[in-house]
């Protein structure tokens, strides 16, 4: 709609009285040396909003069990980051404990890297979904 402006490379860096926000938008920083000469790199927006919704995103929380803080225990997101972003396996065999489908994405990443998934211990009684089925199909 014409009343909505998407700012995909922007960060709200100030939330002030009466819903006044300052937003830092990065326009061409992502282009590096390919950015056109003379092009504006960044912009500050000043916005007075009727309402503000603070949506900080998802935060992964570990399952609580004995010794879940010893070396070798990692959050699923960290395992995926090592495997997908850095191409490094933080181990040889993987056991996942989970209560959501995200662990199955991690299992698939691990399998795609040619590594062994020993088990996925799901706290749910009957997990279902596309990722669950794909992981089951791959063993």
N, C-alpha and C. Protein backbone atom coordinates (compact mmCIF):
# COMPACT_ATOMS: atom_id res chain seq x y z
N UNK A 1 0.85 -1.19 0.00
CA UNK A 1 0.00 0.00 0.00
C UNK A 1 0.88 1.24 0.00
N UNK A 2 0.35 2.37 -0.41
CA UNK A 2 1.16 3.59 -0.45
C UNK A 2 1.54 4.11 0.93
N UNK A 3 0.88 3.63 1.98
CA UNK A 3 1.18 4.09 3.33
C UNK A 3 2.30 3.30 4.00
N UNK A 4 2.89 2.33 3.28
CA UNK A 4 3.92 1.48 3.86
C UNK A 4 5.22 1.68 3.09
N UNK A 5 6.31 1.88 3.83
CA UNK A 5 7.64 2.00 3.24
C UNK A 5 8.51 0.92 3.85
N UNK A 6 8.97 -0.02 3.03
CA UNK A 6 9.85 -1.08 3.51
C UNK A 6 11.29 -0.60 3.50
N UNK A 7 11.99 -0.82 4.60
CA UNK A 7 13.39 -0.45 4.72
C UNK A 7 14.17 -1.71 5.10
N UNK A 8 14.52 -2.56 4.13
CA UNK A 8 15.12 -3.86 4.46
C UNK A 8 16.52 -3.78 5.06
N UNK A 9 17.27 -2.74 4.80
CA UNK A 9 18.62 -2.61 5.37
C UNK A 9 18.63 -1.43 6.34
N UNK A 10 17.74 -1.50 7.32
CA UNK A 10 17.60 -0.38 8.25
C UNK A 10 17.51 -0.90 9.69
N UNK A 11 17.95 -0.04 10.60
CA UNK A 11 17.91 -0.35 12.03
C UNK A 11 17.33 0.83 12.78
N UNK A 12 16.35 0.58 13.63
CA UNK A 12 15.85 1.63 14.51
C UNK A 12 16.89 1.80 15.60
N UNK A 13 17.51 2.97 15.64
CA UNK A 13 18.55 3.18 16.65
C UNK A 13 18.13 4.15 17.74
N UNK A 14 16.89 4.61 17.68
CA UNK A 14 16.39 5.46 18.74
C UNK A 14 14.88 5.37 18.85
N UNK A 15 14.41 5.11 20.06
CA UNK A 15 12.96 5.09 20.34
C UNK A 15 12.76 6.11 21.44
N UNK A 16 12.19 7.25 21.08
CA UNK A 16 12.12 8.40 21.97
C UNK A 16 10.69 8.63 22.44
N UNK A 17 10.51 9.66 23.25
CA UNK A 17 9.19 10.01 23.78
C UNK A 17 8.16 10.17 22.67
N UNK A 18 6.94 9.82 22.99
CA UNK A 18 5.78 10.01 22.10
C UNK A 18 5.96 9.29 20.77
N UNK A 19 6.52 8.09 20.81
CA UNK A 19 6.70 7.24 19.62
C UNK A 19 7.49 7.91 18.50
N UNK A 20 8.50 8.66 18.87
CA UNK A 20 9.40 9.25 17.88
C UNK A 20 10.58 8.29 17.71
N UNK A 21 10.82 7.88 16.44
CA UNK A 21 11.88 6.91 16.15
C UNK A 21 12.90 7.51 15.19
N UNK A 22 14.16 7.15 15.38
CA UNK A 22 15.18 7.46 14.40
C UNK A 22 15.63 6.14 13.79
N UNK A 23 15.68 6.12 12.47
CA UNK A 23 15.98 4.89 11.73
C UNK A 23 17.19 5.12 10.85
N UNK A 24 18.18 4.26 10.97
CA UNK A 24 19.40 4.33 10.17
C UNK A 24 19.27 3.35 9.01
N UNK A 25 19.19 3.87 7.79
CA UNK A 25 19.06 3.03 6.60
C UNK A 25 20.39 2.99 5.85
N UNK A 26 20.84 1.80 5.54
CA UNK A 26 22.06 1.61 4.76
C UNK A 26 21.66 1.39 3.31
N UNK A 27 21.91 2.38 2.47
CA UNK A 27 21.43 2.34 1.09
C UNK A 27 22.37 1.59 0.14
N UNK A 28 23.66 1.90 0.19
CA UNK A 28 24.60 1.27 -0.75
C UNK A 28 25.78 0.61 -0.05
N UNK A 29 25.82 0.57 1.26
CA UNK A 29 26.95 -0.03 1.97
C UNK A 29 27.16 -1.49 1.56
N UNK A 30 26.08 -2.20 1.27
CA UNK A 30 26.18 -3.61 0.92
C UNK A 30 26.85 -3.83 -0.44
N UNK A 31 26.98 -2.77 -1.24
CA UNK A 31 27.58 -2.89 -2.56
C UNK A 31 29.10 -2.80 -2.53
N UNK A 32 29.65 -2.31 -1.43
CA UNK A 32 31.10 -2.19 -1.30
C UNK A 32 31.68 -1.27 -2.36
N UNK A 33 32.74 -1.73 -3.03
CA UNK A 33 33.40 -0.93 -4.06
C UNK A 33 32.56 -0.76 -5.32
N UNK A 34 31.51 -1.55 -5.47
CA UNK A 34 30.65 -1.46 -6.66
C UNK A 34 29.61 -0.35 -6.54
N UNK A 35 29.55 0.32 -5.39
CA UNK A 35 28.56 1.39 -5.19
C UNK A 35 28.87 2.54 -6.16
N UNK A 36 27.84 3.09 -6.79
CA UNK A 36 28.06 4.20 -7.72
C UNK A 36 28.68 5.41 -7.00
N UNK A 37 29.61 6.05 -7.67
CA UNK A 37 30.25 7.25 -7.11
C UNK A 37 29.20 8.35 -7.01
N UNK A 38 29.20 9.04 -5.90
CA UNK A 38 28.24 10.13 -5.70
C UNK A 38 26.89 9.68 -5.16
N UNK A 39 26.68 8.39 -5.06
CA UNK A 39 25.41 7.86 -4.55
C UNK A 39 25.38 7.99 -3.02
N UNK A 40 24.24 8.31 -2.48
CA UNK A 40 24.08 8.41 -1.03
C UNK A 40 24.26 7.02 -0.42
N UNK A 41 25.11 6.90 0.62
CA UNK A 41 25.40 5.61 1.25
C UNK A 41 24.40 5.27 2.35
N UNK A 42 24.02 6.28 3.13
CA UNK A 42 23.16 6.04 4.28
C UNK A 42 22.16 7.18 4.42
N UNK A 43 21.08 6.88 5.12
CA UNK A 43 20.05 7.90 5.34
C UNK A 43 19.48 7.72 6.74
N UNK A 44 19.17 8.82 7.40
CA UNK A 44 18.49 8.79 8.69
C UNK A 44 17.04 9.23 8.47
N UNK A 45 16.12 8.40 8.91
CA UNK A 45 14.70 8.73 8.85
C UNK A 45 14.25 9.12 10.25
N UNK A 46 13.44 10.15 10.33
CA UNK A 46 12.81 10.55 11.60
C UNK A 46 11.32 10.30 11.44
N UNK A 47 10.79 9.47 12.32
CA UNK A 47 9.40 9.02 12.18
C UNK A 47 8.65 9.25 13.48
N UNK A 48 7.45 9.80 13.38
CA UNK A 48 6.53 9.89 14.51
C UNK A 48 5.41 8.89 14.21
N UNK A 49 5.31 7.84 15.01
CA UNK A 49 4.36 6.76 14.74
C UNK A 49 3.15 6.85 15.66
N UNK A 50 1.99 6.45 15.14
CA UNK A 50 0.81 6.35 16.00
C UNK A 50 0.99 5.21 16.99
N UNK A 51 1.51 4.09 16.48
CA UNK A 51 1.75 2.92 17.32
C UNK A 51 3.08 2.29 16.92
N UNK A 52 3.73 1.67 17.90
CA UNK A 52 5.00 0.98 17.65
C UNK A 52 4.89 -0.44 18.19
N UNK A 53 5.27 -1.40 17.38
CA UNK A 53 5.33 -2.80 17.79
C UNK A 53 6.81 -3.18 17.82
N UNK A 54 7.29 -3.59 18.98
CA UNK A 54 8.67 -4.02 19.12
C UNK A 54 8.73 -5.52 18.86
N UNK A 55 9.25 -5.91 17.71
CA UNK A 55 9.38 -7.31 17.34
C UNK A 55 10.86 -7.61 17.17
N UNK A 56 11.45 -8.19 18.20
CA UNK A 56 12.90 -8.39 18.21
C UNK A 56 13.34 -9.64 17.47
N UNK A 57 12.41 -10.45 17.02
CA UNK A 57 12.78 -11.67 16.31
C UNK A 57 12.79 -12.87 17.23
N UNK A 58 13.12 -14.00 16.66
CA UNK A 58 13.13 -15.25 17.42
C UNK A 58 14.46 -15.41 18.13
N UNK A 59 14.40 -15.97 19.30
CA UNK A 59 15.60 -16.26 20.08
C UNK A 59 15.59 -17.74 20.43
N UNK A 60 16.63 -18.43 20.04
CA UNK A 60 16.72 -19.85 20.33
C UNK A 60 17.03 -20.06 21.81
N UNK A 61 16.27 -20.93 22.44
CA UNK A 61 16.50 -21.23 23.86
C UNK A 61 16.83 -22.71 23.99
N UNK A 62 17.80 -23.04 24.82
CA UNK A 62 18.18 -24.45 24.95
C UNK A 62 17.18 -25.23 25.79
N UNK A 63 17.10 -26.53 25.52
CA UNK A 63 16.36 -27.42 26.41
C UNK A 63 17.19 -27.59 27.68
N UNK A 64 16.52 -27.72 28.79
CA UNK A 64 17.23 -27.81 30.07
C UNK A 64 17.34 -29.28 30.47
N UNK A 65 18.58 -29.71 30.65
CA UNK A 65 18.86 -31.06 31.15
C UNK A 65 20.26 -31.03 31.76
N UNK A 66 20.59 -32.05 32.52
CA UNK A 66 21.88 -32.10 33.19
C UNK A 66 23.04 -32.08 32.20
N UNK A 67 24.04 -31.29 32.49
CA UNK A 67 25.26 -31.18 31.68
C UNK A 67 25.02 -30.58 30.29
N UNK A 68 23.97 -29.79 30.13
CA UNK A 68 23.75 -29.17 28.83
C UNK A 68 24.69 -27.99 28.58
N UNK A 69 25.57 -27.73 29.54
CA UNK A 69 26.49 -26.60 29.38
C UNK A 69 27.95 -27.04 29.26
N UNK A 70 28.18 -28.32 29.01
CA UNK A 70 29.55 -28.80 28.88
C UNK A 70 29.99 -28.68 27.42
N UNK A 71 31.30 -28.65 27.17
CA UNK A 71 31.79 -28.54 25.79
C UNK A 71 31.21 -29.65 24.90
N UNK A 72 30.85 -29.27 23.70
CA UNK A 72 30.26 -30.22 22.76
C UNK A 72 28.77 -30.05 22.63
N UNK A 73 28.12 -29.43 23.61
CA UNK A 73 26.69 -29.13 23.51
C UNK A 73 26.54 -27.74 22.91
N UNK A 74 25.79 -27.66 21.82
CA UNK A 74 25.61 -26.39 21.12
C UNK A 74 24.15 -26.19 20.80
N UNK A 75 23.75 -24.94 20.64
CA UNK A 75 22.42 -24.66 20.13
C UNK A 75 22.38 -25.02 18.65
N UNK A 76 21.20 -25.40 18.18
CA UNK A 76 21.05 -25.85 16.80
C UNK A 76 21.49 -24.78 15.80
N UNK A 77 21.17 -23.54 16.09
CA UNK A 77 21.56 -22.46 15.19
C UNK A 77 23.06 -22.34 15.03
N UNK A 78 23.79 -22.59 16.10
CA UNK A 78 25.26 -22.53 16.03
C UNK A 78 25.80 -23.66 15.16
N UNK A 79 25.22 -24.85 15.29
CA UNK A 79 25.64 -25.98 14.47
C UNK A 79 25.43 -25.66 13.00
N UNK A 80 24.25 -25.14 12.66
CA UNK A 80 23.96 -24.79 11.26
C UNK A 80 24.91 -23.72 10.75
N UNK A 81 25.23 -22.74 11.58
CA UNK A 81 26.14 -21.68 11.16
C UNK A 81 27.51 -22.26 10.84
N UNK A 82 28.03 -23.12 11.70
CA UNK A 82 29.32 -23.75 11.42
C UNK A 82 29.28 -24.50 10.09
N UNK A 83 28.24 -25.30 9.89
CA UNK A 83 28.18 -26.17 8.71
C UNK A 83 27.88 -25.37 7.44
N UNK A 84 26.87 -24.50 7.47
CA UNK A 84 26.43 -23.82 6.25
C UNK A 84 27.29 -22.61 5.91
N UNK A 85 27.60 -21.78 6.88
CA UNK A 85 28.32 -20.55 6.59
C UNK A 85 29.83 -20.78 6.46
N UNK A 86 30.38 -21.59 7.38
CA UNK A 86 31.83 -21.74 7.42
C UNK A 86 32.33 -23.06 6.82
N UNK A 87 31.42 -23.99 6.53
CA UNK A 87 31.84 -25.26 5.97
C UNK A 87 32.66 -26.10 6.94
N UNK A 88 32.38 -25.96 8.23
CA UNK A 88 33.13 -26.65 9.27
C UNK A 88 32.15 -27.49 10.09
N UNK A 89 32.53 -28.74 10.34
CA UNK A 89 31.71 -29.60 11.19
C UNK A 89 32.25 -29.54 12.61
N UNK A 90 31.43 -29.11 13.57
CA UNK A 90 31.90 -29.04 14.96
C UNK A 90 31.86 -30.41 15.66
N UNK A 91 32.08 -31.47 14.92
CA UNK A 91 32.08 -32.82 15.46
C UNK A 91 31.95 -33.81 14.32
N UNK A 92 31.86 -35.09 14.67
CA UNK A 92 31.74 -36.14 13.66
C UNK A 92 30.36 -36.76 13.64
N UNK A 93 29.74 -36.85 14.81
CA UNK A 93 28.41 -37.44 14.93
C UNK A 93 27.52 -36.43 15.65
N UNK A 94 26.25 -36.42 15.27
CA UNK A 94 25.32 -35.42 15.82
C UNK A 94 24.13 -36.09 16.47
N UNK A 95 23.83 -35.67 17.69
CA UNK A 95 22.59 -36.03 18.38
C UNK A 95 21.88 -34.72 18.67
N UNK A 96 20.64 -34.61 18.24
CA UNK A 96 19.85 -33.39 18.45
C UNK A 96 18.75 -33.65 19.46
N UNK A 97 18.58 -32.73 20.39
CA UNK A 97 17.40 -32.75 21.27
C UNK A 97 16.61 -31.50 20.94
N UNK A 98 15.30 -31.67 20.79
CA UNK A 98 14.50 -30.55 20.28
C UNK A 98 13.07 -30.62 20.77
N UNK A 99 12.38 -29.50 20.59
CA UNK A 99 10.94 -29.44 20.79
C UNK A 99 10.28 -28.68 19.64
N UNK A 100 11.02 -28.55 18.50
CA UNK A 100 10.48 -27.84 17.34
C UNK A 100 11.14 -28.36 16.07
N UNK A 101 10.64 -27.90 14.92
CA UNK A 101 11.11 -28.41 13.63
C UNK A 101 12.50 -27.92 13.24
N UNK A 102 13.01 -26.88 13.88
CA UNK A 102 14.30 -26.32 13.47
C UNK A 102 15.42 -27.35 13.53
N UNK A 103 15.38 -28.25 14.48
CA UNK A 103 16.42 -29.27 14.61
C UNK A 103 16.49 -30.15 13.37
N UNK A 104 15.36 -30.35 12.72
CA UNK A 104 15.35 -31.18 11.52
C UNK A 104 16.05 -30.48 10.36
N UNK A 105 15.96 -29.15 10.30
CA UNK A 105 16.73 -28.39 9.31
C UNK A 105 18.22 -28.58 9.58
N UNK A 106 18.61 -28.55 10.85
CA UNK A 106 20.01 -28.77 11.23
C UNK A 106 20.45 -30.18 10.85
N UNK A 107 19.60 -31.17 11.10
CA UNK A 107 19.93 -32.55 10.74
C UNK A 107 20.14 -32.66 9.23
N UNK A 108 19.30 -32.00 8.45
CA UNK A 108 19.45 -32.03 6.99
C UNK A 108 20.75 -31.35 6.56
N UNK A 109 21.09 -30.22 7.18
CA UNK A 109 22.36 -29.55 6.88
C UNK A 109 23.52 -30.50 7.15
N UNK A 110 23.46 -31.18 8.29
CA UNK A 110 24.52 -32.09 8.72
C UNK A 110 24.65 -33.25 7.72
N UNK A 111 23.51 -33.82 7.31
CA UNK A 111 23.52 -34.91 6.34
C UNK A 111 24.04 -34.44 4.99
N UNK A 112 23.63 -33.25 4.57
CA UNK A 112 24.10 -32.69 3.29
C UNK A 112 25.61 -32.49 3.28
N UNK A 113 26.19 -32.30 4.46
CA UNK A 113 27.64 -32.14 4.57
C UNK A 113 28.35 -33.50 4.62
N UNK A 114 27.58 -34.59 4.51
CA UNK A 114 28.16 -35.92 4.51
C UNK A 114 28.50 -36.45 5.88
N UNK A 115 27.84 -35.92 6.90
CA UNK A 115 28.12 -36.31 8.28
C UNK A 115 27.00 -37.19 8.82
N UNK A 116 27.24 -37.80 9.97
CA UNK A 116 26.30 -38.78 10.53
C UNK A 116 25.42 -38.16 11.61
N UNK A 117 24.11 -38.31 11.45
CA UNK A 117 23.15 -37.95 12.49
C UNK A 117 22.80 -39.24 13.23
N UNK A 118 23.16 -39.29 14.51
CA UNK A 118 22.92 -40.49 15.31
C UNK A 118 21.45 -40.56 15.72
N UNK A 119 20.89 -39.42 16.17
CA UNK A 119 19.50 -39.41 16.63
C UNK A 119 18.97 -37.99 16.70
N UNK A 120 17.65 -37.89 16.57
CA UNK A 120 16.94 -36.65 16.87
C UNK A 120 15.96 -37.00 17.98
N UNK A 121 16.20 -36.49 19.18
CA UNK A 121 15.34 -36.75 20.32
C UNK A 121 14.35 -35.60 20.42
N UNK A 122 13.13 -35.84 19.96
CA UNK A 122 12.11 -34.80 19.90
C UNK A 122 11.18 -34.95 21.11
N UNK A 123 11.02 -33.88 21.88
CA UNK A 123 10.18 -33.90 23.07
C UNK A 123 8.69 -33.99 22.73
N UNK A 124 8.34 -33.71 21.49
CA UNK A 124 6.94 -33.79 21.07
C UNK A 124 6.56 -35.25 20.83
N UNK A 125 5.31 -35.58 21.12
CA UNK A 125 4.88 -36.97 20.99
C UNK A 125 4.74 -37.41 19.54
N UNK A 126 4.35 -36.50 18.65
CA UNK A 126 4.14 -36.88 17.25
C UNK A 126 4.54 -35.73 16.33
N UNK A 127 5.83 -35.48 16.16
CA UNK A 127 6.25 -34.36 15.31
C UNK A 127 5.87 -34.60 13.85
N UNK A 128 5.38 -33.55 13.20
CA UNK A 128 4.99 -33.62 11.79
C UNK A 128 5.44 -32.35 11.09
N UNK A 129 5.55 -32.43 9.81
CA UNK A 129 5.90 -31.27 9.02
C UNK A 129 6.86 -31.65 7.90
N UNK A 130 7.05 -30.74 6.96
CA UNK A 130 7.87 -31.01 5.79
C UNK A 130 9.32 -31.34 6.16
N UNK A 131 9.90 -30.58 7.09
CA UNK A 131 11.29 -30.83 7.48
C UNK A 131 11.42 -32.17 8.20
N UNK A 132 10.45 -32.49 9.04
CA UNK A 132 10.47 -33.77 9.76
C UNK A 132 10.43 -34.92 8.76
N UNK A 133 9.53 -34.83 7.79
CA UNK A 133 9.39 -35.90 6.80
C UNK A 133 10.63 -36.02 5.93
N UNK A 134 11.20 -34.88 5.53
CA UNK A 134 12.41 -34.91 4.70
C UNK A 134 13.57 -35.55 5.46
N UNK A 135 13.72 -35.20 6.73
CA UNK A 135 14.79 -35.79 7.54
C UNK A 135 14.58 -37.29 7.73
N UNK A 136 13.34 -37.69 7.95
CA UNK A 136 13.05 -39.13 8.09
C UNK A 136 13.38 -39.88 6.80
N UNK A 137 13.04 -39.27 5.66
CA UNK A 137 13.30 -39.91 4.38
C UNK A 137 14.80 -40.10 4.13
N UNK A 138 15.60 -39.19 4.65
CA UNK A 138 17.06 -39.30 4.47
C UNK A 138 17.71 -40.18 5.52
N UNK A 139 16.90 -40.68 6.46
CA UNK A 139 17.44 -41.61 7.46
C UNK A 139 17.79 -40.94 8.74
